[in-house]
Amino acid sequence: MNSVIAAAVMFLLVQVTQALPSLYHRGWLRLLQEGDGCGVCQPELCPEISGCLAGTVLDACDCCPECGNAEGQTCDLDNTSHFYGRCGEDLNCLLDINAAFLGEIPEPQCTCRSQESMCGSNGKTYNNICRFKEVFHSNRESNLSITHRGPCETVPWITTPPRDVHNVTGNDIIFGCEVSAYPMALVEWRKKGTDNFLPGDDAHISIQARGGPERYGITGWLQIQGLKKSDEGIYTCYTRNKYGEAFASASLSVYDSGTTQYKKDIKKAEGNMPGYFRRMKHRKFHLTLEGDPNNLHEMSHQKTHCPVPHLPFASSNISTISELIESSSEHL
């Protein structure tokens, strides 16, 4: 009797499953795509939204507004799908071709339709209309508006000033200085106590500059090769255009290799190093250190192409930290 009932139940289940194909072998993506249908649009029932940096777009049913995806966010290339979402105002969904050059699978990203710079009424330059609108939508009460197309003409400002450097005689060092301005600014260097701009006729000092890394930016470098004690001092990065000027300074401390003060600074620096760096101290690496040894922990988290943190002081290729101090193979 029990076997007859069990067979009847199984027969009924098979019939129900075949009668409802919408519940038969459907994956999560198919369920998501099919959904429950849009039905009749009733705008009065749409929820209120705010804080959309890229403005609003219509939802998958083309009924209620929702936040659009901002520049750089992943989006849906196919308008018939609504998985990642639609791009906001003045944005198109395009494949990131740069990823293909890097050997990665390109993903669709929201890209601003225009890359022309905009000058805001607050005196700031925005890379494009999309970046301007992000700021505009974040604070509508600011009454921000576009003054004109193109960058704002302003006094230059130093976005990344030079940093203090400590090193030993015979080594090479570099000061860097990043400036942003329009019209483009001139970058020059001077040592405190001298009247002329560097390099002058000094063969072991050289000056270089190039555009970038940001738009309307310029980066200048001061390089000193074969350090001498006489190179010690304050070095200043000067920048100017027709609207004004700005400057920032950094100090250079030069030690004789093996001096007591240099050993103290190196030991102080190592004491502040993260644990993972101390474990690597016997590995070969290029140690580039700048700034105050007391601030090592803060500076050790900057981006660098080296296999170690960016640290204060500067040195050439070495095998161990102790080799930097005593020019020997002994470890600290």
Protein backbone atom coordinates (compact mmCIF):
# COMPACT_ATOMS: atom_id res chain seq x y z
CA MET A 1 0.00 0.00 0.00
CA ASN A 2 2.82 2.37 0.92
CA SER A 3 4.58 1.73 -2.39
CA VAL A 4 1.42 2.64 -4.29
CA ILE A 5 1.10 5.96 -2.42
CA ALA A 6 4.75 6.79 -2.99
CA ALA A 7 4.44 6.10 -6.72
CA ALA A 8 1.35 8.31 -6.91
CA VAL A 9 3.13 11.19 -5.17
CA MET A 10 6.10 10.95 -7.52
CA PHE A 11 3.76 10.94 -10.55
CA LEU A 12 2.02 14.08 -9.32
CA LEU A 13 5.33 15.90 -8.72
CA VAL A 14 6.50 15.12 -12.25
CA GLN A 15 3.23 16.40 -13.70
CA VAL A 16 3.41 19.64 -11.67
CA THR A 17 7.04 20.27 -12.69
CA GLN A 18 6.28 19.78 -16.38
CA ALA A 19 3.21 21.99 -16.11
CA LEU A 20 5.32 24.84 -14.70
CA PRO A 21 8.36 25.09 -17.00
CA SER A 22 9.20 28.51 -15.57
CA LEU A 23 10.37 26.69 -12.41
CA TYR A 24 12.32 24.00 -14.25
CA HIS A 25 16.11 24.18 -14.42
CA ARG A 26 16.42 27.96 -14.17
CA GLY A 27 19.68 29.52 -13.02
CA TRP A 28 19.95 32.67 -10.87
CA LEU A 29 20.90 34.84 -13.86
CA ARG A 30 17.86 33.71 -15.86
CA LEU A 31 15.63 34.39 -12.87
CA LEU A 32 17.20 37.83 -12.49
CA GLN A 33 16.70 38.64 -16.16
CA GLU A 34 13.12 37.47 -16.30
CA GLY A 35 12.04 39.09 -13.03
CA ASP A 36 8.40 39.75 -12.30
CA GLY A 37 7.81 42.13 -15.22
CA CYS A 38 7.45 45.90 -15.09
CA GLY A 39 3.71 46.32 -15.21
CA VAL A 40 2.05 49.73 -15.47
CA CYS A 41 4.28 52.70 -14.63
CA GLN A 42 2.96 54.78 -11.73
CA PRO A 43 5.40 57.68 -11.23
CA GLU A 44 3.60 58.84 -8.10
CA LEU A 45 4.72 55.63 -6.38
CA CYS A 46 8.42 56.12 -7.22
CA PRO A 47 10.65 56.68 -4.16
CA GLU A 48 12.48 59.98 -3.74
CA ILE A 49 16.24 59.82 -4.32
CA SER A 50 19.06 62.25 -3.57
CA GLY A 51 22.84 62.44 -3.52
CA CYS A 52 23.32 61.17 -7.08
CA LEU A 53 26.75 62.50 -8.12
CA ALA A 54 26.24 61.58 -11.77
CA GLY A 55 22.61 62.69 -11.89
CA THR A 56 19.61 60.41 -12.37
CA VAL A 57 18.54 57.91 -15.05
CA LEU A 58 15.39 55.83 -15.48
CA ASP A 59 15.31 52.35 -13.98
CA ALA A 60 15.06 49.07 -15.93
CA CYS A 61 11.34 49.68 -16.49
CA ASP A 62 11.92 53.24 -17.75
CA CYS A 63 9.63 54.48 -15.04
CA CYS A 64 11.30 55.61 -11.80
CA PRO A 65 14.50 57.66 -11.53
CA GLU A 66 17.57 56.13 -9.93
CA CYS A 67 21.20 57.21 -9.46
CA GLY A 68 23.26 56.88 -12.61
CA ASN A 69 26.72 55.35 -12.54
CA ALA A 70 29.57 57.86 -12.27
CA GLU A 71 32.69 58.14 -14.44
CA GLY A 72 34.88 55.05 -14.14
CA GLN A 73 32.14 52.76 -12.79
CA THR A 74 31.22 49.50 -14.51
CA CYS A 75 28.08 49.67 -16.65
CA ASP A 76 25.85 47.62 -18.98
CA LEU A 77 26.89 47.79 -22.63
CA ASP A 78 23.60 46.23 -23.71
CA ASN A 79 20.64 48.52 -23.00
CA THR A 80 18.38 45.49 -22.67
CA SER A 81 20.15 44.34 -19.49
CA HIS A 82 20.24 46.07 -16.14
CA PHE A 83 22.86 44.31 -14.06
CA TYR A 84 25.49 47.00 -13.39
CA GLY A 85 23.24 49.96 -14.15
CA ARG A 86 23.13 52.84 -16.60
CA CYS A 87 25.62 55.68 -16.89
CA GLY A 88 24.64 59.12 -15.60
CA GLU A 89 24.47 62.49 -17.30
CA ASP A 90 26.96 63.18 -20.13
CA LEU A 91 28.40 59.66 -19.85
CA ASN A 92 28.62 56.76 -22.32
CA CYS A 93 29.20 53.09 -21.54
CA LEU A 94 32.37 52.04 -23.42
CA LEU A 95 34.89 49.22 -23.19
CA ASP A 96 38.11 50.09 -21.39
CA ILE A 97 40.60 49.57 -24.23
CA ASN A 98 43.56 50.30 -21.92
CA ALA A 99 42.92 47.00 -20.14
CA ALA A 100 43.47 45.07 -23.38
CA PHE A 101 46.96 46.59 -23.78
CA LEU A 102 47.77 45.43 -20.24
CA GLY A 103 46.70 41.86 -21.02
CA GLU A 104 43.49 42.15 -19.01
CA ILE A 105 39.91 41.51 -20.06
CA PRO A 106 38.36 44.89 -20.92
CA GLU A 107 35.29 45.83 -18.92
CA PRO A 108 32.62 48.37 -19.88
CA GLN A 109 33.04 51.63 -17.97
CA CYS A 110 31.20 54.92 -17.88
CA THR A 111 33.24 57.45 -19.88
CA CYS A 112 32.60 61.16 -20.13
CA ARG A 113 31.45 62.21 -23.61
CA SER A 114 33.73 65.25 -23.55
CA GLN A 115 37.23 65.52 -22.12
CA GLU A 116 37.34 69.31 -22.42
CA SER A 117 38.30 71.09 -19.19
CA MET A 118 35.84 73.38 -17.42
CA CYS A 119 36.48 76.42 -15.24
CA GLY A 120 34.11 76.62 -12.29
CA SER A 121 32.84 79.77 -10.60
CA ASN A 122 34.87 78.69 -7.55
CA GLY A 123 38.10 79.24 -9.52
CA LYS A 124 38.87 75.51 -9.83
CA THR A 125 39.59 73.66 -13.06
CA TYR A 126 37.69 70.40 -13.67
CA ASN A 127 39.04 67.76 -16.07
CA ASN A 128 35.67 67.47 -17.84
CA ILE A 129 31.98 68.29 -17.53
CA CYS A 130 31.34 65.03 -15.65
CA ARG A 131 33.80 65.89 -12.86
CA PHE A 132 32.21 69.33 -12.63
CA LYS A 133 28.73 67.83 -12.26
CA GLU A 134 29.90 65.46 -9.53
CA VAL A 135 30.88 68.47 -7.43
CA PHE A 136 27.71 70.34 -8.45
CA HIS A 137 25.40 67.46 -7.45
CA SER A 138 27.25 66.90 -4.15
CA ASN A 139 26.33 70.41 -2.96
CA ARG A 140 23.54 72.06 -4.91
CA GLU A 141 23.38 74.91 -2.38
CA SER A 142 26.82 76.16 -3.41
CA ASN A 143 25.40 77.77 -6.60
CA LEU A 144 28.40 76.46 -8.52
CA SER A 145 28.36 77.25 -12.23
CA ILE A 146 30.65 77.03 -15.25
CA THR A 147 32.52 80.27 -15.88
CA HIS A 148 33.92 79.20 -19.24
CA ARG A 149 35.20 76.21 -21.17
CA GLY A 150 38.86 75.46 -20.70
CA PRO A 151 41.00 75.72 -17.57
CA CYS A 152 40.85 78.59 -15.08
CA GLU A 153 43.75 81.00 -15.33
CA THR A 154 45.30 81.12 -11.87
CA VAL A 155 48.44 81.64 -9.84
CA PRO A 156 50.50 78.41 -9.80
CA TRP A 157 50.39 76.22 -6.73
CA ILE A 158 52.79 73.49 -5.66
CA THR A 159 50.85 70.24 -5.39
CA THR A 160 53.84 68.14 -4.23
CA PRO A 161 56.66 70.09 -2.57
CA PRO A 162 60.27 68.87 -2.28
CA ARG A 163 61.08 66.84 0.84
CA ASP A 164 64.02 66.88 3.24
CA VAL A 165 66.82 64.51 2.27
CA HIS A 166 69.59 62.95 4.42
CA ASN A 167 72.49 61.20 2.69
CA VAL A 168 76.19 60.46 2.78
CA THR A 169 79.03 61.96 0.78
CA GLY A 170 79.59 60.47 -2.65
CA ASN A 171 75.98 59.45 -3.24
CA ASP A 172 73.43 61.01 -5.63
CA ILE A 173 70.15 62.64 -4.56
CA ILE A 174 67.10 64.12 -6.30
CA PHE A 175 64.62 66.77 -5.14
CA GLY A 176 61.22 66.76 -6.85
CA CYS A 177 58.57 69.48 -7.16
CA GLU A 178 55.12 69.13 -8.82
CA VAL A 179 53.29 72.30 -9.88
CA SER A 180 49.82 72.92 -11.30
CA ALA A 181 48.85 76.12 -13.13
CA TYR A 182 47.38 77.64 -16.28
CA PRO A 183 49.02 79.28 -18.14
CA MET A 184 51.81 76.78 -17.63
CA ALA A 185 54.31 77.82 -14.98
CA LEU A 186 58.10 77.95 -15.01
CA VAL A 187 59.91 75.84 -12.37
CA GLU A 188 63.35 76.93 -11.09
CA TRP A 189 65.64 75.99 -8.21
CA ARG A 190 67.85 78.03 -5.91
CA LYS A 191 70.05 77.25 -2.92
CA LYS A 192 69.76 79.48 0.12
CA GLY A 193 72.65 81.93 0.31
CA THR A 194 73.18 82.14 -3.45
CA ASP A 195 71.89 84.83 -5.80
CA ASN A 196 71.64 82.80 -8.99
CA PHE A 197 69.29 80.01 -9.99
CA LEU A 198 70.74 76.52 -10.28
CA PRO A 199 72.55 74.79 -11.90
CA GLY A 200 74.83 77.67 -12.86
CA ASP A 201 78.23 76.38 -13.96
CA ASP A 202 78.29 73.51 -11.42
CA ALA A 203 78.83 70.28 -13.37
CA HIS A 204 77.57 67.94 -10.61
CA ILE A 205 74.15 69.67 -10.39
CA SER A 206 71.50 69.26 -13.11
CA ILE A 207 67.91 70.46 -13.59
CA GLN A 208 65.14 68.64 -15.46
CA ALA A 209 61.42 69.24 -16.03
CA ARG A 210 58.56 67.63 -17.91
CA GLY A 211 54.82 68.04 -18.24
CA GLY A 212 52.45 66.12 -15.94
CA PRO A 213 51.63 63.92 -14.23
CA GLU A 214 48.30 65.80 -14.09
CA ARG A 215 46.81 67.92 -16.84
CA TYR A 216 48.15 71.50 -16.71
CA GLY A 217 50.90 70.29 -14.42
CA ILE A 218 54.68 70.30 -14.60
CA THR A 219 57.24 68.38 -12.54
CA GLY A 220 60.76 69.66 -11.92
CA TRP A 221 63.77 67.82 -10.51
CA LEU A 222 67.04 68.95 -9.02
CA GLN A 223 69.74 66.26 -9.10
CA ILE A 224 73.06 66.44 -7.26
CA GLN A 225 75.65 63.79 -8.15
CA GLY A 226 78.56 62.84 -5.93
CA LEU A 227 77.44 64.67 -2.78
CA LYS A 228 79.91 66.86 -0.94
CA LYS A 229 79.62 68.44 2.49
CA SER A 230 79.44 71.83 0.78
CA ASP A 231 76.14 70.77 -0.88
CA GLU A 232 74.39 70.83 2.48
CA GLY A 233 71.75 73.53 2.83
CA ILE A 234 68.21 74.66 1.98
CA TYR A 235 66.98 74.22 -1.60
CA THR A 236 63.89 76.05 -2.86
CA CYS A 237 61.57 75.25 -5.76
CA TYR A 238 60.28 78.49 -7.34
CA THR A 239 57.38 78.53 -9.78
CA ARG A 240 55.70 81.45 -11.51
CA ASN A 241 53.45 82.54 -14.35
CA LYS A 242 51.94 85.91 -15.30
CA TYR A 243 49.43 85.72 -12.43
CA GLY A 244 51.89 85.18 -9.59
CA GLU A 245 54.42 82.87 -8.00
CA ALA A 246 54.83 80.23 -5.31
CA PHE A 247 57.73 78.45 -3.65
CA ALA A 248 58.54 75.56 -1.29
CA SER A 249 61.81 74.55 0.37
CA ALA A 250 63.52 71.41 1.65
CA SER A 251 66.81 70.75 3.43
CA LEU A 252 69.72 68.56 2.43
CA SER A 253 71.84 67.02 5.20
CA VAL A 254 75.11 65.41 4.12
CA TYR A 255 77.01 63.04 6.43
CA ASP A 256 80.40 61.45 6.18
CA SER A 257 79.83 57.70 5.90
CA GLY A 258 80.13 56.04 9.32
CA THR A 259 79.59 59.20 11.41
CA THR A 260 77.85 58.85 14.77
CA GLN A 261 74.92 61.07 13.79
CA TYR A 262 74.25 59.11 10.62
CA LYS A 263 74.34 55.80 12.52
CA LYS A 264 71.84 57.20 15.03
CA ASP A 265 69.46 58.32 12.26
CA ILE A 266 69.70 54.97 10.49
CA LYS A 267 69.03 53.07 13.73
CA LYS A 268 66.11 55.39 14.50
CA ALA A 269 64.74 54.81 11.00
CA GLU A 270 65.01 51.03 11.31
CA GLY A 271 63.32 51.14 14.70
CA ASN A 272 60.31 52.78 13.06
CA MET A 273 60.22 50.42 10.09
CA PRO A 274 57.19 48.10 9.71
CA GLY A 275 57.89 44.53 10.76
CA TYR A 276 57.72 43.14 7.22
CA PHE A 277 60.53 45.49 6.16
CA ARG A 278 62.75 44.46 9.06
CA ARG A 279 62.31 40.86 7.90
CA MET A 280 63.55 41.91 4.44
CA LYS A 281 66.57 43.90 5.60
CA HIS A 282 69.06 41.24 4.45
CA ARG A 283 67.58 41.09 0.95
CA LYS A 284 69.03 43.14 -1.90
CA PHE A 285 67.00 46.22 -2.82
CA HIS A 286 67.36 49.84 -3.86
CA LEU A 287 66.85 51.97 -0.77
CA THR A 288 65.51 55.45 -1.44
CA LEU A 289 64.82 57.40 1.71
CA GLU A 290 63.67 60.98 2.12
CA GLY A 291 62.49 63.25 4.89
CA ASP A 292 62.70 63.21 8.66
CA PRO A 293 63.64 59.83 10.22
CA ASN A 294 61.08 60.53 12.97
CA ASN A 295 58.30 60.40 10.36
CA LEU A 296 59.32 57.12 8.76
CA HIS A 297 56.19 55.19 9.69
CA GLU A 298 53.95 57.77 8.02
CA MET A 299 56.04 57.86 4.84
CA SER A 300 56.47 54.09 4.58
CA HIS A 301 53.01 53.61 3.06
CA GLN A 302 53.51 55.67 -0.09
CA LYS A 303 53.26 53.96 -3.48
CA THR A 304 56.60 52.83 -4.87
CA HIS A 305 57.95 50.46 -7.51
CA CYS A 306 60.53 49.16 -5.04
CA PRO A 307 59.91 45.92 -3.10
CA VAL A 308 60.18 47.94 0.12
CA PRO A 309 58.41 51.01 1.52
CA HIS A 310 59.43 54.54 0.51
CA LEU A 311 61.69 55.52 3.42
CA PRO A 312 63.51 58.67 4.63
CA PHE A 313 67.21 59.07 3.60
CA ALA A 314 68.66 58.24 0.22
CA SER A 315 71.30 55.82 -0.85
CA SER A 316 72.61 53.89 -3.82
CA ASN A 317 72.18 50.13 -4.28
CA ILE A 318 73.10 48.30 -1.10
CA SER A 319 72.89 44.74 0.16
CA THR A 320 71.91 45.38 3.77
CA ILE A 321 71.11 48.35 5.95
CA SER A 322 74.33 47.79 7.90
CA GLU A 323 76.23 48.03 4.63
CA LEU A 324 74.71 51.47 4.22
CA ILE A 325 76.07 52.46 7.64
CA GLU A 326 79.48 50.84 7.72
CA SER A 327 80.05 49.82 4.07
CA SER A 328 80.53 46.24 5.20
CA SER A 329 78.67 42.93 4.99
CA GLU A 330 77.89 42.89 8.71
CA HIS A 331 74.19 42.97 9.57
CA LEU A 332 72.63 45.15 12.23
